[in-house]
Amino acid sequence: MELLKQRIIKDGRIKPGNIVKVDSFLNHQMDVVLLGEIGEEFARRFADQPVTKILTIEASGIGIATIAALHFGNVPVVFAKKAKSKNLDGALYLSQVESFTHGTVSEIQVSKKFITRDDCVLILDDFLACGRALLGLIDIVKQSGASLAGCGIVIEKGFQEGGQTLRDMGVRLESLAIIDRADENGFVFRN
């Protein structure tokens, strides 16, 4: 997605530890026009799947998934919560997720009433580095008995193992921009 790559070059920053900062347009302040283009591209790439739900993880994936849902015929968006909440009641799907960015482990939770074996679930998220969040979300889809349409990622850090791990597992992975190198010289994208 050339528009996304150009925006990363223009407004993205690289911090020590291979942290790619795109908070001015993707995951803190959000450019909703760009998110609309991203949602449209995900809908194009997964047009062959009968998606009934979009699953993401709080917080950065929510805006992306919500706008993308409009391009899938307004399917519901479900997001996994990272913290226990009094608002979550009843039976839950649970999975452990380690965050590369935050260096923490969370038990993510999704109410069983929102994903069932009748669903075809598309997982969307902003970043893919080590793949822990996606593995946790895939685990929740498996627990539910739903079918997995695949995973859509806005930015994949191709120099980390997450993408290859998921592809080796046979997971359909569609990344809109894959960064193969990010350093003081800028960004190098995979073709």
Protein backbone atom coordinates (compact mmCIF):
# COMPACT_ATOMS: atom_id res chain seq x y z
CA MET A 1 0.00 0.00 0.00
CA GLU A 2 2.02 2.91 -1.33
CA LEU A 3 0.00 5.60 0.48
CA LEU A 4 0.79 3.96 3.82
CA LYS A 5 4.49 3.55 3.02
CA GLN A 6 4.78 7.21 2.06
CA ARG A 7 3.10 8.24 5.31
CA ILE A 8 5.51 6.06 7.32
CA ILE A 9 8.47 7.68 5.54
CA LYS A 10 7.07 11.18 6.07
CA ASP A 11 5.83 10.95 9.67
CA GLY A 12 7.27 7.75 11.17
CA ARG A 13 10.15 7.79 13.61
CA ILE A 14 12.58 5.14 14.79
CA LYS A 15 13.41 4.85 18.48
CA PRO A 16 16.14 2.75 20.10
CA GLY A 17 15.23 -0.93 20.36
CA ASN A 18 13.66 -1.04 16.88
CA ILE A 19 10.54 0.77 18.06
CA VAL A 20 8.73 2.26 15.05
CA LYS A 21 6.69 5.31 16.09
CA VAL A 22 3.67 6.14 13.96
CA ASP A 23 1.64 7.71 16.73
CA SER A 24 0.96 10.91 14.77
CA PHE A 25 -1.33 9.08 12.33
CA LEU A 26 -2.02 5.47 13.35
CA ASN A 27 -2.05 4.53 17.00
CA HIS A 28 -2.39 7.64 19.15
CA GLN A 29 -3.61 10.39 16.88
CA MET A 30 -5.47 8.73 14.01
CA ASP A 31 -5.82 9.92 10.43
CA VAL A 32 -9.32 8.62 9.69
CA VAL A 33 -9.01 9.18 5.95
CA LEU A 34 -5.92 6.96 5.92
CA LEU A 35 -7.72 4.44 8.14
CA GLY A 36 -10.55 4.39 5.60
CA GLU A 37 -8.05 3.52 2.86
CA ILE A 38 -6.56 0.83 5.09
CA GLY A 39 -10.01 -0.64 5.79
CA GLU A 40 -10.81 -0.66 2.08
CA GLU A 41 -7.55 -2.47 1.33
CA PHE A 42 -8.22 -5.12 3.97
CA ALA A 43 -11.71 -5.64 2.50
CA ARG A 44 -10.18 -6.06 -0.96
CA ARG A 45 -7.58 -8.55 0.27
CA PHE A 46 -10.09 -10.63 2.24
CA ALA A 47 -12.99 -10.35 -0.24
CA ASP A 48 -12.92 -14.15 -0.69
CA GLN A 49 -13.75 -14.73 3.00
CA PRO A 50 -17.26 -14.65 4.53
CA VAL A 51 -16.14 -12.46 7.47
CA THR A 52 -18.81 -12.17 10.18
CA LYS A 53 -16.67 -10.62 12.96
CA ILE A 54 -13.48 -8.61 13.22
CA LEU A 55 -11.35 -9.33 16.28
CA THR A 56 -8.62 -7.05 17.61
CA ILE A 57 -6.89 -6.24 20.88
CA GLU A 58 -7.17 -3.07 22.92
CA ALA A 59 -6.26 -0.36 22.39
CA SER A 60 -4.45 0.46 19.15
CA GLY A 61 -6.34 -2.03 16.99
CA ILE A 62 -9.80 -0.73 17.84
CA GLY A 63 -9.86 2.32 15.55
CA ILE A 64 -8.43 0.34 12.64
CA ALA A 65 -10.88 -2.53 13.10
CA THR A 66 -13.87 -0.22 13.51
CA ILE A 67 -13.29 1.67 10.29
CA ALA A 68 -12.38 -1.55 8.45
CA ALA A 69 -15.68 -3.09 9.59
CA LEU A 70 -17.55 -0.53 7.50
CA HIS A 71 -15.87 -1.98 4.39
CA PHE A 72 -16.96 -5.51 5.36
CA GLY A 73 -20.66 -4.62 5.41
CA ASN A 74 -20.70 -3.29 8.97
CA VAL A 75 -19.76 -6.55 10.68
CA PRO A 76 -19.34 -6.34 14.47
CA VAL A 77 -15.93 -5.58 15.96
CA VAL A 78 -14.90 -7.48 19.08
CA PHE A 79 -11.82 -6.45 21.01
CA ALA A 80 -9.91 -8.49 23.53
CA LYS A 81 -9.51 -6.71 26.85
CA LYS A 82 -6.11 -6.76 28.54
CA ALA A 83 -7.33 -6.10 32.07
CA LYS A 84 -10.02 -7.66 34.20
CA SER A 85 -13.15 -5.56 34.16
CA LYS A 86 -16.37 -5.57 36.14
CA ASN A 87 -18.10 -5.03 32.79
CA LEU A 88 -17.06 -8.51 31.61
CA ASP A 89 -19.39 -11.13 32.94
CA GLY A 90 -20.23 -14.69 32.09
CA ALA A 91 -18.00 -17.18 30.34
CA LEU A 92 -14.77 -15.85 28.83
CA TYR A 93 -12.12 -16.98 26.39
CA LEU A 94 -8.71 -16.32 27.96
CA SER A 95 -5.20 -16.29 26.50
CA GLN A 96 -1.78 -15.08 27.65
CA VAL A 97 -0.12 -12.36 25.56
CA GLU A 98 3.34 -10.85 25.94
CA SER A 99 3.78 -7.29 24.63
CA PHE A 100 7.04 -6.55 22.79
CA THR A 101 6.48 -2.78 23.07
CA HIS A 102 5.51 -2.67 26.74
CA GLY A 103 7.49 -5.66 28.05
CA THR A 104 4.46 -6.99 29.94
CA VAL A 105 2.33 -10.14 29.97
CA SER A 106 -1.46 -9.79 29.94
CA GLU A 107 -4.29 -12.27 30.13
CA ILE A 108 -6.56 -11.14 27.32
CA GLN A 109 -10.28 -11.79 27.58
CA VAL A 110 -13.22 -12.01 25.20
CA SER A 111 -16.77 -12.83 26.21
CA LYS A 112 -17.90 -16.16 24.76
CA LYS A 113 -21.23 -14.63 23.73
CA PHE A 114 -19.50 -12.48 21.08
CA ILE A 115 -17.60 -15.16 19.12
CA THR A 116 -19.15 -18.53 18.36
CA ARG A 117 -18.48 -21.54 16.16
CA ASP A 118 -20.78 -19.97 13.53
CA ASP A 119 -18.41 -17.03 12.97
CA CYS A 120 -15.71 -16.42 10.40
CA VAL A 121 -13.28 -14.15 12.21
CA LEU A 122 -10.79 -11.73 10.70
CA ILE A 123 -8.09 -10.55 13.11
CA LEU A 124 -6.78 -7.01 12.56
CA ASP A 125 -4.05 -5.10 14.38
CA ASP A 126 -1.75 -2.13 13.89
CA PHE A 127 1.66 -3.81 14.31
CA LEU A 128 3.25 -7.22 14.03
CA ALA A 129 6.66 -7.67 15.64
CA CYS A 130 7.09 -10.93 17.56
CA GLY A 131 3.51 -12.06 16.96
CA ARG A 132 2.47 -12.66 20.56
CA ALA A 133 -0.76 -10.62 20.33
CA LEU A 134 -1.82 -12.40 17.14
CA LEU A 135 -1.05 -15.80 18.63
CA GLY A 136 -3.24 -14.95 21.63
CA LEU A 137 -6.08 -13.79 19.36
CA ILE A 138 -5.74 -16.89 17.17
CA ASP A 139 -5.92 -19.00 20.34
CA ILE A 140 -9.22 -17.29 21.25
CA VAL A 141 -10.63 -18.00 17.77
CA LYS A 142 -9.60 -21.66 18.13
CA GLN A 143 -11.21 -21.89 21.57
CA SER A 144 -14.46 -20.57 20.10
CA GLY A 145 -14.56 -23.11 17.27
CA ALA A 146 -14.99 -20.26 14.75
CA SER A 147 -13.15 -20.28 11.45
CA LEU A 148 -10.21 -17.93 10.98
CA ALA A 149 -10.39 -15.82 7.82
CA GLY A 150 -6.82 -14.65 8.42
CA CYS A 151 -4.88 -11.82 10.00
CA GLY A 152 -4.52 -8.30 8.63
CA ILE A 153 -1.68 -6.12 9.86
CA VAL A 154 -1.10 -2.48 9.03
CA ILE A 155 2.69 -2.52 9.64
CA GLU A 156 4.79 -5.66 9.94
CA LYS A 157 8.34 -5.45 11.25
CA GLY A 158 9.82 -7.94 8.79
CA PHE A 159 13.14 -7.96 10.64
CA GLN A 160 11.43 -9.63 13.62
CA GLU A 161 10.14 -13.19 13.74
CA GLY A 162 6.37 -12.74 14.10
CA GLY A 163 5.41 -12.73 10.44
CA GLN A 164 7.52 -15.77 9.59
CA THR A 165 6.23 -17.67 12.63
CA LEU A 166 2.61 -17.12 11.57
CA ARG A 167 3.29 -17.95 7.91
CA ASP A 168 5.09 -21.15 8.98
CA MET A 169 1.94 -22.07 10.96
CA GLY A 170 -0.11 -21.74 7.77
CA VAL A 171 -1.95 -18.60 8.92
CA ARG A 172 -3.08 -16.33 6.12
CA LEU A 173 -1.29 -13.06 6.87
CA GLU A 174 -1.85 -9.86 4.90
CA SER A 175 0.46 -7.02 5.92
CA LEU A 176 -0.07 -3.67 4.21
CA ALA A 177 3.52 -2.48 4.77
CA ILE A 178 6.44 -4.71 5.71
CA ILE A 179 9.49 -2.89 7.04
CA ASP A 180 12.64 -4.93 6.50
CA ARG A 181 14.95 -2.35 8.09
CA ALA A 182 14.44 0.69 10.27
CA ASP A 183 17.47 2.65 11.44
CA GLU A 184 19.11 6.08 11.34
CA ASN A 185 19.07 5.85 7.53
CA GLY A 186 15.28 5.53 7.43
CA PHE A 187 12.91 2.75 6.43
CA VAL A 188 13.43 -0.05 3.90
CA PHE A 189 10.24 -1.78 2.78
CA ARG A 190 9.77 -5.25 1.35
CA ASN A 191 8.31 -5.30 -2.16
